Amino acid sequence: ISIDENNRIGQPITALKAIDPDEGPNGDVTYSLGDGQNGDASTFFEISPSTGELFAKKMFDAENDPLEYVLKVYAKDSGSPPLIGQCSITILIGDKNDNRPRFEKSTYAFSLEENNTLNHIIGSVRAIDNDLNAHVTYRLVSNFQNRFHISADGTILLTSKLDFERDSNKFNLTIIA
């Protein structure tokens, strides 16, 4: 079973169903959790004894919690003596895009000479995203897109020649990660 991180506490995950062909109390089944691969399953999950519905007792975070929980589930009838069946269930925690990229620096400053060649590398920026499967891309959103370009890896390139006497001596670029 898969659930996404940032789930609601008490969110139903699945319902398990055990069948006992006996009649009367001998066929009445109650459910419970045993210790799982990650220790005491009841710390993170709970099961309805009467319906077999499994619930999350915590909000999971894919970046900080285990990504897999293996639980033992017991089904016990009300016979005398009671008989018990068991199964294992694996719960996978899915990663959501819940972390914003953060630049390593709030401001970057680069210098270059006039008359550089086209596609001259000026410098690079770097942003970090704490999601598990993060892939950060960059976009230039200032008025100088005709003079500068930023590649997918954060490298800033000069796309037109600069002339010290004709052009501004300072360009403020805004980059979004």
N, C-alpha and C. Protein backbone atom coordinates (compact mmCIF):
# COMPACT_ATOMS: atom_id res chain seq x y z
N ILE A 1 0.86 -1.17 0.00
CA ILE A 1 0.00 0.00 0.00
C ILE A 1 0.90 1.23 0.00
N SER A 2 0.53 2.24 -0.76
CA SER A 2 1.29 3.49 -0.80
C SER A 2 0.44 4.63 -0.24
N ILE A 3 1.08 5.47 0.56
CA ILE A 3 0.46 6.72 0.99
C ILE A 3 1.49 7.82 0.80
N ASP A 4 1.02 9.01 0.54
CA ASP A 4 1.93 10.14 0.37
C ASP A 4 2.28 10.75 1.72
N GLU A 5 3.48 11.33 1.78
CA GLU A 5 3.86 12.08 2.97
C GLU A 5 2.87 13.22 3.16
N ASN A 6 2.90 13.82 4.33
CA ASN A 6 2.00 14.92 4.71
C ASN A 6 0.54 14.47 4.76
N ASN A 7 0.34 13.17 4.98
CA ASN A 7 -1.00 12.62 5.11
C ASN A 7 -1.68 13.20 6.34
N ARG A 8 -2.99 13.03 6.41
CA ARG A 8 -3.74 13.45 7.59
C ARG A 8 -3.63 12.37 8.66
N ILE A 9 -3.44 12.76 9.90
CA ILE A 9 -3.47 11.81 11.01
C ILE A 9 -4.89 11.26 11.09
N GLY A 10 -4.99 9.95 11.24
CA GLY A 10 -6.30 9.30 11.27
C GLY A 10 -6.83 8.95 9.90
N GLN A 11 -6.04 9.27 8.86
CA GLN A 11 -6.45 8.97 7.50
C GLN A 11 -6.52 7.46 7.30
N PRO A 12 -7.64 6.93 6.79
CA PRO A 12 -7.68 5.50 6.48
C PRO A 12 -6.69 5.17 5.37
N ILE A 13 -5.97 4.09 5.55
CA ILE A 13 -4.98 3.67 4.56
C ILE A 13 -5.53 2.54 3.70
N THR A 14 -6.09 1.54 4.35
CA THR A 14 -6.69 0.40 3.67
C THR A 14 -7.53 -0.36 4.68
N ALA A 15 -8.27 -1.32 4.20
CA ALA A 15 -9.04 -2.20 5.09
C ALA A 15 -8.64 -3.64 4.76
N LEU A 16 -8.33 -4.38 5.79
CA LEU A 16 -7.99 -5.79 5.63
C LEU A 16 -9.21 -6.62 5.97
N LYS A 17 -9.35 -7.74 5.30
CA LYS A 17 -10.51 -8.59 5.53
C LYS A 17 -10.05 -10.03 5.68
N ALA A 18 -10.31 -10.60 6.85
CA ALA A 18 -10.03 -12.02 7.09
C ALA A 18 -11.36 -12.75 7.09
N ILE A 19 -11.38 -13.94 6.52
CA ILE A 19 -12.60 -14.72 6.43
C ILE A 19 -12.44 -15.97 7.29
N ASP A 20 -13.41 -16.20 8.15
CA ASP A 20 -13.44 -17.41 8.97
C ASP A 20 -14.75 -18.12 8.64
N PRO A 21 -14.70 -19.31 8.06
CA PRO A 21 -15.93 -19.98 7.63
C PRO A 21 -16.77 -20.55 8.78
N ASP A 22 -16.27 -20.50 10.00
CA ASP A 22 -17.06 -21.00 11.13
C ASP A 22 -18.29 -20.11 11.33
N GLU A 23 -19.31 -20.69 11.97
CA GLU A 23 -20.54 -19.94 12.24
C GLU A 23 -20.53 -19.42 13.67
N GLY A 24 -21.32 -18.38 13.91
CA GLY A 24 -21.46 -17.83 15.25
C GLY A 24 -20.18 -17.20 15.75
N PRO A 25 -19.97 -17.22 17.07
CA PRO A 25 -18.78 -16.60 17.66
C PRO A 25 -17.47 -17.19 17.13
N ASN A 26 -17.50 -18.47 16.73
CA ASN A 26 -16.28 -19.08 16.20
C ASN A 26 -15.83 -18.42 14.90
N GLY A 27 -16.73 -17.71 14.23
CA GLY A 27 -16.39 -17.04 12.97
C GLY A 27 -16.26 -15.54 13.11
N ASP A 28 -16.49 -14.99 14.30
CA ASP A 28 -16.33 -13.55 14.51
C ASP A 28 -14.84 -13.22 14.61
N VAL A 29 -14.40 -12.29 13.80
CA VAL A 29 -12.96 -11.97 13.71
C VAL A 29 -12.69 -10.58 14.29
N THR A 30 -11.61 -10.48 15.07
CA THR A 30 -11.10 -9.18 15.52
C THR A 30 -9.67 -9.04 15.03
N TYR A 31 -9.25 -7.80 14.79
CA TYR A 31 -7.95 -7.51 14.19
C TYR A 31 -7.05 -6.80 15.20
N SER A 32 -5.74 -7.06 15.07
CA SER A 32 -4.76 -6.35 15.89
C SER A 32 -3.45 -6.27 15.12
N LEU A 33 -2.60 -5.37 15.57
CA LEU A 33 -1.27 -5.20 14.96
C LEU A 33 -0.22 -5.81 15.87
N GLY A 34 0.77 -6.41 15.27
CA GLY A 34 1.93 -6.89 16.01
C GLY A 34 3.12 -6.02 15.68
N ASP A 35 4.23 -6.31 16.32
CA ASP A 35 5.45 -5.56 16.00
C ASP A 35 5.82 -5.79 14.55
N GLY A 36 6.25 -4.74 13.90
CA GLY A 36 6.64 -4.84 12.50
C GLY A 36 8.15 -4.73 12.36
N GLN A 37 8.56 -4.65 11.14
CA GLN A 37 9.98 -4.53 10.81
C GLN A 37 10.59 -3.27 11.42
N ASN A 38 9.80 -2.22 11.61
CA ASN A 38 10.29 -0.95 12.14
C ASN A 38 9.99 -0.80 13.63
N GLY A 39 9.77 -1.90 14.33
CA GLY A 39 9.50 -1.81 15.76
C GLY A 39 8.01 -1.89 16.03
N ASP A 40 7.57 -1.19 17.04
CA ASP A 40 6.19 -1.23 17.48
C ASP A 40 5.29 -0.53 16.46
N ALA A 41 4.54 -1.29 15.71
CA ALA A 41 3.68 -0.75 14.65
C ALA A 41 2.62 0.19 15.21
N SER A 42 2.20 -0.05 16.46
CA SER A 42 1.13 0.78 17.03
C SER A 42 1.58 2.21 17.31
N THR A 43 2.86 2.48 17.21
CA THR A 43 3.35 3.86 17.34
C THR A 43 2.90 4.69 16.14
N PHE A 44 2.86 4.08 14.96
CA PHE A 44 2.59 4.81 13.72
C PHE A 44 1.24 4.49 13.09
N PHE A 45 0.70 3.32 13.43
CA PHE A 45 -0.54 2.86 12.79
C PHE A 45 -1.48 2.29 13.84
N GLU A 46 -2.77 2.26 13.48
CA GLU A 46 -3.75 1.60 14.33
C GLU A 46 -4.74 0.89 13.42
N ILE A 47 -5.29 -0.19 13.93
CA ILE A 47 -6.26 -0.97 13.15
C ILE A 47 -7.54 -1.07 13.96
N SER A 48 -8.66 -0.93 13.27
CA SER A 48 -9.95 -1.09 13.93
C SER A 48 -10.14 -2.57 14.23
N PRO A 49 -10.32 -2.94 15.50
CA PRO A 49 -10.48 -4.36 15.84
C PRO A 49 -11.68 -5.00 15.13
N SER A 50 -12.71 -4.23 14.87
CA SER A 50 -13.92 -4.83 14.30
C SER A 50 -13.97 -4.79 12.77
N THR A 51 -13.39 -3.74 12.14
CA THR A 51 -13.52 -3.61 10.68
C THR A 51 -12.25 -3.96 9.92
N GLY A 52 -11.09 -3.99 10.58
CA GLY A 52 -9.83 -4.23 9.88
C GLY A 52 -9.32 -3.02 9.14
N GLU A 53 -9.95 -1.86 9.35
CA GLU A 53 -9.48 -0.64 8.67
C GLU A 53 -8.22 -0.15 9.35
N LEU A 54 -7.20 0.14 8.53
CA LEU A 54 -5.89 0.57 9.02
C LEU A 54 -5.78 2.08 8.88
N PHE A 55 -5.30 2.75 9.95
CA PHE A 55 -5.19 4.21 9.99
C PHE A 55 -3.76 4.64 10.29
N ALA A 56 -3.41 5.83 9.83
CA ALA A 56 -2.12 6.44 10.17
C ALA A 56 -2.28 7.23 11.46
N LYS A 57 -1.34 7.03 12.39
CA LYS A 57 -1.37 7.77 13.67
C LYS A 57 -0.42 8.95 13.66
N LYS A 58 0.29 9.15 12.56
CA LYS A 58 1.21 10.28 12.48
C LYS A 58 1.24 10.80 11.06
N MET A 59 1.72 12.02 10.91
CA MET A 59 1.95 12.59 9.59
C MET A 59 3.36 12.20 9.18
N PHE A 60 3.48 11.50 8.07
CA PHE A 60 4.78 11.02 7.62
C PHE A 60 5.50 12.07 6.79
N ASP A 61 6.82 12.04 6.85
CA ASP A 61 7.69 12.95 6.11
C ASP A 61 8.72 12.10 5.38
N ALA A 62 8.63 12.06 4.06
CA ALA A 62 9.51 11.20 3.26
C ALA A 62 10.98 11.56 3.42
N GLU A 63 11.27 12.80 3.76
CA GLU A 63 12.68 13.20 3.89
C GLU A 63 13.28 12.79 5.23
N ASN A 64 12.45 12.50 6.24
CA ASN A 64 12.97 12.21 7.58
C ASN A 64 12.55 10.87 8.16
N ASP A 65 11.49 10.28 7.65
CA ASP A 65 10.99 9.00 8.17
C ASP A 65 11.42 7.87 7.25
N PRO A 66 11.35 6.63 7.73
CA PRO A 66 11.57 5.50 6.82
C PRO A 66 10.55 5.55 5.68
N LEU A 67 10.94 5.07 4.52
CA LEU A 67 10.05 5.09 3.36
C LEU A 67 9.23 3.82 3.26
N GLU A 68 9.50 2.86 4.13
CA GLU A 68 8.78 1.59 4.09
C GLU A 68 8.54 1.08 5.50
N TYR A 69 7.30 0.65 5.74
CA TYR A 69 6.93 0.04 7.01
C TYR A 69 6.32 -1.32 6.70
N VAL A 70 6.80 -2.35 7.38
CA VAL A 70 6.24 -3.69 7.22
C VAL A 70 5.56 -4.04 8.54
N LEU A 71 4.26 -4.28 8.49
CA LEU A 71 3.46 -4.53 9.69
C LEU A 71 2.95 -5.97 9.69
N LYS A 72 2.81 -6.51 10.88
CA LYS A 72 2.14 -7.80 11.04
C LYS A 72 0.71 -7.51 11.49
N VAL A 73 -0.24 -8.13 10.83
CA VAL A 73 -1.64 -7.97 11.18
C VAL A 73 -2.17 -9.34 11.59
N TYR A 74 -2.85 -9.38 12.73
CA TYR A 74 -3.42 -10.62 13.24
C TYR A 74 -4.94 -10.55 13.16
N ALA A 75 -5.54 -11.68 12.77
CA ALA A 75 -6.99 -11.83 12.79
C ALA A 75 -7.28 -12.99 13.73
N LYS A 76 -8.07 -12.73 14.77
CA LYS A 76 -8.35 -13.74 15.79
C LYS A 76 -9.86 -13.96 15.85
N ASP A 77 -10.24 -15.24 15.84
CA ASP A 77 -11.67 -15.51 15.96
C ASP A 77 -12.06 -15.58 17.43
N SER A 78 -13.37 -15.69 17.71
CA SER A 78 -13.86 -15.70 19.09
C SER A 78 -14.17 -17.11 19.58
N GLY A 79 -13.61 -18.10 18.91
CA GLY A 79 -13.85 -19.48 19.31
C GLY A 79 -13.12 -19.84 20.58
N SER A 80 -13.36 -21.06 21.02
CA SER A 80 -12.69 -21.54 22.22
C SER A 80 -12.05 -22.87 21.89
N PRO A 81 -10.77 -22.93 21.78
CA PRO A 81 -9.80 -21.84 21.93
C PRO A 81 -9.81 -20.94 20.68
N PRO A 82 -9.42 -19.68 20.84
CA PRO A 82 -9.37 -18.78 19.68
C PRO A 82 -8.26 -19.19 18.73
N LEU A 83 -8.53 -19.06 17.44
CA LEU A 83 -7.53 -19.34 16.41
C LEU A 83 -7.11 -18.02 15.78
N ILE A 84 -5.83 -17.96 15.38
CA ILE A 84 -5.26 -16.70 14.88
C ILE A 84 -4.65 -16.94 13.50
N GLY A 85 -4.94 -16.01 12.59
CA GLY A 85 -4.27 -15.95 11.29
C GLY A 85 -3.47 -14.67 11.25
N GLN A 86 -2.45 -14.65 10.39
CA GLN A 86 -1.66 -13.42 10.29
C GLN A 86 -1.25 -13.16 8.86
N CYS A 87 -0.96 -11.91 8.58
CA CYS A 87 -0.41 -11.51 7.28
C CYS A 87 0.52 -10.33 7.52
N SER A 88 1.29 -10.03 6.52
CA SER A 88 2.16 -8.84 6.56
C SER A 88 1.65 -7.84 5.53
N ILE A 89 1.79 -6.59 5.86
CA ILE A 89 1.42 -5.53 4.92
C ILE A 89 2.59 -4.56 4.86
N THR A 90 2.95 -4.17 3.66
CA THR A 90 4.02 -3.20 3.45
C THR A 90 3.39 -1.86 3.08
N ILE A 91 3.78 -0.83 3.79
CA ILE A 91 3.28 0.52 3.53
C ILE A 91 4.46 1.36 3.05
N LEU A 92 4.32 1.91 1.86
CA LEU A 92 5.35 2.75 1.26
C LEU A 92 4.94 4.21 1.40
N ILE A 93 5.89 5.05 1.84
CA ILE A 93 5.64 6.48 2.00
C ILE A 93 6.14 7.19 0.74
N GLY A 94 5.24 7.87 0.05
CA GLY A 94 5.59 8.56 -1.20
C GLY A 94 6.04 9.99 -0.94
N ASP A 95 6.98 10.42 -1.75
CA ASP A 95 7.51 11.79 -1.65
C ASP A 95 6.62 12.75 -2.43
N LYS A 96 6.32 13.88 -1.84
CA LYS A 96 5.60 14.97 -2.49
C LYS A 96 6.57 16.15 -2.65
N ASN A 97 6.27 17.02 -3.57
CA ASN A 97 7.08 18.22 -3.74
C ASN A 97 6.63 19.22 -2.68
N ASP A 98 7.22 19.10 -1.47
CA ASP A 98 6.79 19.94 -0.36
C ASP A 98 7.91 20.82 0.20
N ASN A 99 9.02 20.90 -0.50
CA ASN A 99 10.13 21.77 -0.07
C ASN A 99 10.49 22.71 -1.22
N ARG A 100 10.63 23.98 -0.89
CA ARG A 100 11.03 24.97 -1.90
C ARG A 100 12.55 24.92 -2.09
N PRO A 101 13.00 25.16 -3.32
CA PRO A 101 14.45 25.29 -3.52
C PRO A 101 14.96 26.53 -2.77
N ARG A 102 16.17 26.43 -2.24
CA ARG A 102 16.83 27.56 -1.56
C ARG A 102 18.19 27.79 -2.20
N PHE A 103 18.44 29.02 -2.59
CA PHE A 103 19.76 29.34 -3.15
C PHE A 103 20.80 29.27 -2.04
N GLU A 104 22.00 28.83 -2.39
CA GLU A 104 23.08 28.75 -1.41
C GLU A 104 23.45 30.12 -0.89
N LYS A 105 23.30 31.15 -1.73
CA LYS A 105 23.54 32.54 -1.32
C LYS A 105 22.32 33.36 -1.69
N SER A 106 22.09 34.44 -0.96
CA SER A 106 20.95 35.30 -1.30
C SER A 106 21.31 36.25 -2.44
N THR A 107 22.58 36.55 -2.60
CA THR A 107 23.05 37.44 -3.66
C THR A 107 24.34 36.86 -4.24
N TYR A 108 24.45 36.90 -5.55
CA TYR A 108 25.66 36.48 -6.24
C TYR A 108 26.20 37.69 -6.99
N ALA A 109 27.51 37.85 -7.05
CA ALA A 109 28.13 38.95 -7.79
C ALA A 109 29.21 38.38 -8.71
N PHE A 110 29.18 38.77 -9.97
CA PHE A 110 30.16 38.31 -10.95
C PHE A 110 30.70 39.52 -11.70
N SER A 111 31.94 39.44 -12.12
CA SER A 111 32.55 40.50 -12.93
C SER A 111 32.99 39.91 -14.26
N LEU A 112 32.95 40.76 -15.30
CA LEU A 112 33.45 40.33 -16.60
C LEU A 112 33.95 41.53 -17.37
N GLU A 113 34.78 41.25 -18.33
CA GLU A 113 35.37 42.29 -19.18
C GLU A 113 34.46 42.53 -20.39
N GLU A 114 34.58 43.73 -20.98
CA GLU A 114 33.83 43.99 -22.20
C GLU A 114 34.42 43.17 -23.35
N ASN A 115 33.66 43.04 -24.41
CA ASN A 115 34.07 42.34 -25.63
C ASN A 115 34.37 40.86 -25.41
N ASN A 116 33.74 40.24 -24.44
CA ASN A 116 33.87 38.79 -24.28
C ASN A 116 33.16 38.08 -25.42
N THR A 117 33.52 36.86 -25.67
CA THR A 117 32.89 36.07 -26.72
C THR A 117 31.47 35.71 -26.32
N LEU A 118 30.65 35.42 -27.31
CA LEU A 118 29.30 34.97 -27.03
C LEU A 118 29.35 33.63 -26.32
N ASN A 119 28.39 33.40 -25.47
CA ASN A 119 28.30 32.19 -24.63
C ASN A 119 29.46 32.07 -23.64
N HIS A 120 30.08 33.22 -23.34
CA HIS A 120 31.10 33.28 -22.30
C HIS A 120 30.44 32.95 -20.96
N ILE A 121 31.05 32.06 -20.17
CA ILE A 121 30.50 31.71 -18.86
C ILE A 121 30.85 32.80 -17.87
N ILE A 122 29.81 33.39 -17.28
CA ILE A 122 29.98 34.46 -16.31
C ILE A 122 30.16 33.89 -14.90
N GLY A 123 29.39 32.87 -14.58
CA GLY A 123 29.41 32.25 -13.26
C GLY A 123 28.25 31.29 -13.15
N SER A 124 28.00 30.83 -11.96
CA SER A 124 26.86 29.93 -11.78
C SER A 124 26.23 30.15 -10.41
N VAL A 125 24.97 29.77 -10.33
CA VAL A 125 24.21 29.82 -9.09
C VAL A 125 23.80 28.40 -8.75
N ARG A 126 23.47 28.18 -7.49
CA ARG A 126 23.05 26.83 -7.09
C ARG A 126 21.97 26.93 -6.03
N ALA A 127 20.91 26.17 -6.24
CA ALA A 127 19.83 26.08 -5.27
C ALA A 127 19.69 24.63 -4.83
N ILE A 128 19.30 24.44 -3.59
CA ILE A 128 19.14 23.11 -3.01
C ILE A 128 17.67 22.91 -2.68
N ASP A 129 17.16 21.74 -3.05
CA ASP A 129 15.78 21.37 -2.74
C ASP A 129 15.85 20.10 -1.90
N ASN A 130 15.25 20.12 -0.72
CA ASN A 130 15.35 18.99 0.20
C ASN A 130 14.40 17.84 -0.09
N ASP A 131 13.60 17.92 -1.15
CA ASP A 131 12.76 16.78 -1.51
C ASP A 131 13.65 15.63 -1.96
N LEU A 132 13.16 14.41 -1.77
CA LEU A 132 13.96 13.23 -2.10
C LEU A 132 14.35 13.17 -3.56
N ASN A 133 13.41 13.40 -4.44
CA ASN A 133 13.68 13.27 -5.87
C ASN A 133 13.75 14.65 -6.52
N ALA A 134 14.42 15.55 -5.85
CA ALA A 134 14.45 16.94 -6.32
C ALA A 134 15.29 17.08 -7.59
N HIS A 135 14.78 17.87 -8.49
CA HIS A 135 15.51 18.25 -9.69
C HIS A 135 15.24 19.75 -9.89
N VAL A 136 16.24 20.55 -9.63
CA VAL A 136 16.08 22.00 -9.68
C VAL A 136 16.45 22.50 -11.07
N THR A 137 15.60 23.35 -11.64
CA THR A 137 15.92 24.04 -12.88
C THR A 137 15.89 25.55 -12.60
N TYR A 138 16.47 26.30 -13.50
CA TYR A 138 16.61 27.74 -13.30
C TYR A 138 16.00 28.49 -14.47
N ARG A 139 15.51 29.70 -14.15
CA ARG A 139 14.92 30.55 -15.17
C ARG A 139 15.30 32.00 -14.89
N LEU A 140 15.68 32.69 -15.93
CA LEU A 140 16.03 34.11 -15.85
C LEU A 140 14.75 34.91 -16.09
N VAL A 141 14.42 35.82 -15.16
CA VAL A 141 13.17 36.58 -15.27
C VAL A 141 13.39 38.09 -15.27
N SER A 142 14.57 38.53 -15.61
CA SER A 142 14.81 39.98 -15.65
C SER A 142 14.70 40.49 -17.09
N ASN A 143 14.91 41.79 -17.27
CA ASN A 143 14.79 42.41 -18.59
C ASN A 143 15.99 42.14 -19.50
N PHE A 144 16.92 41.36 -19.07
CA PHE A 144 18.16 41.19 -19.82
C PHE A 144 18.26 39.81 -20.48
N GLN A 145 17.11 39.18 -20.79
CA GLN A 145 17.16 37.85 -21.40
C GLN A 145 17.86 37.86 -22.75
N ASN A 146 17.85 39.02 -23.43
CA ASN A 146 18.53 39.09 -24.73
C ASN A 146 20.05 39.21 -24.57
N ARG A 147 20.55 39.44 -23.36
CA ARG A 147 21.99 39.58 -23.12
C ARG A 147 22.58 38.41 -22.33
N PHE A 148 21.74 37.76 -21.55
CA PHE A 148 22.21 36.69 -20.68
C PHE A 148 21.30 35.48 -20.81
N HIS A 149 21.84 34.33 -20.49
CA HIS A 149 21.08 33.08 -20.50
C HIS A 149 21.52 32.26 -19.29
N ILE A 150 20.58 31.53 -18.70
CA ILE A 150 20.96 30.61 -17.63
C ILE A 150 20.60 29.21 -18.07
N SER A 151 21.55 28.30 -17.93
CA SER A 151 21.33 26.92 -18.35
C SER A 151 20.62 26.15 -17.24
N ALA A 152 20.19 24.95 -17.54
CA ALA A 152 19.45 24.12 -16.59
C ALA A 152 20.26 23.83 -15.33
N ASP A 153 21.58 23.85 -15.42
CA ASP A 153 22.42 23.56 -14.25
C ASP A 153 22.82 24.80 -13.47
N GLY A 154 22.30 25.99 -13.85
CA GLY A 154 22.57 27.22 -13.11
C GLY A 154 23.75 28.04 -13.63
N THR A 155 24.31 27.66 -14.78
CA THR A 155 25.42 28.41 -15.37
C THR A 155 24.87 29.62 -16.13
N ILE A 156 25.44 30.79 -15.83
CA ILE A 156 25.00 32.03 -16.48
C ILE A 156 25.96 32.32 -17.62
N LEU A 157 25.38 32.55 -18.81
CA LEU A 157 26.17 32.78 -20.02
C LEU A 157 25.87 34.16 -20.59
N LEU A 158 26.87 34.75 -21.22
CA LEU A 158 26.73 36.02 -21.94
C LEU A 158 26.26 35.70 -23.36
N THR A 159 25.13 36.29 -23.80
CA THR A 159 24.61 35.97 -25.12
C THR A 159 24.71 37.14 -26.11
N SER A 160 25.24 38.28 -25.65
CA SER A 160 25.51 39.38 -26.57
C SER A 160 26.74 40.13 -26.05
N LYS A 161 27.44 40.77 -26.94
CA LYS A 161 28.66 41.49 -26.53
C LYS A 161 28.31 42.71 -25.69
N LEU A 162 29.16 42.99 -24.73
CA LEU A 162 28.99 44.17 -23.90
C LEU A 162 30.08 45.17 -24.24
N ASP A 163 29.70 46.44 -24.26
CA ASP A 163 30.64 47.53 -24.55
C ASP A 163 30.62 48.47 -23.35
N PHE A 164 31.76 48.66 -22.72
CA PHE A 164 31.86 49.46 -21.50
C PHE A 164 31.36 50.89 -21.72
N GLU A 165 31.66 51.48 -22.86
CA GLU A 165 31.27 52.87 -23.10
C GLU A 165 29.77 53.00 -23.42
N ARG A 166 29.17 51.99 -23.97
CA ARG A 166 27.79 52.07 -24.42
C ARG A 166 26.79 51.45 -23.43
N ASP A 167 27.19 50.40 -22.76
CA ASP A 167 26.27 49.65 -21.90
C ASP A 167 26.41 50.06 -20.44
N SER A 168 25.42 49.69 -19.70
CA SER A 168 25.46 49.89 -18.25
C SER A 168 26.63 49.09 -17.69
N ASN A 169 27.19 49.58 -16.60
CA ASN A 169 28.29 48.84 -16.00
C ASN A 169 27.80 47.87 -14.91
N LYS A 170 26.46 47.78 -14.76
CA LYS A 170 25.91 46.89 -13.76
C LYS A 170 24.57 46.34 -14.28
N PHE A 171 24.41 45.02 -14.16
CA PHE A 171 23.16 44.36 -14.53
C PHE A 171 22.66 43.59 -13.31
N ASN A 172 21.43 43.81 -12.95
CA ASN A 172 20.80 43.04 -11.87
C ASN A 172 19.88 42.00 -12.50
N LEU A 173 20.24 40.76 -12.34
CA LEU A 173 19.47 39.66 -12.89
C LEU A 173 18.64 39.01 -11.80
N THR A 174 17.44 38.61 -12.16
CA THR A 174 16.60 37.86 -11.22
C THR A 174 16.46 36.44 -11.76
N ILE A 175 16.80 35.50 -10.91
CA ILE A 175 16.76 34.09 -11.31
C ILE A 175 15.82 33.36 -10.37
N ILE A 176 14.99 32.51 -10.95
CA ILE A 176 14.08 31.67 -10.18
C ILE A 176 14.54 30.22 -10.28
N ALA A 177 14.57 29.56 -9.13
CA ALA A 177 14.88 28.12 -9.10
C ALA A 177 13.59 27.39 -8.85
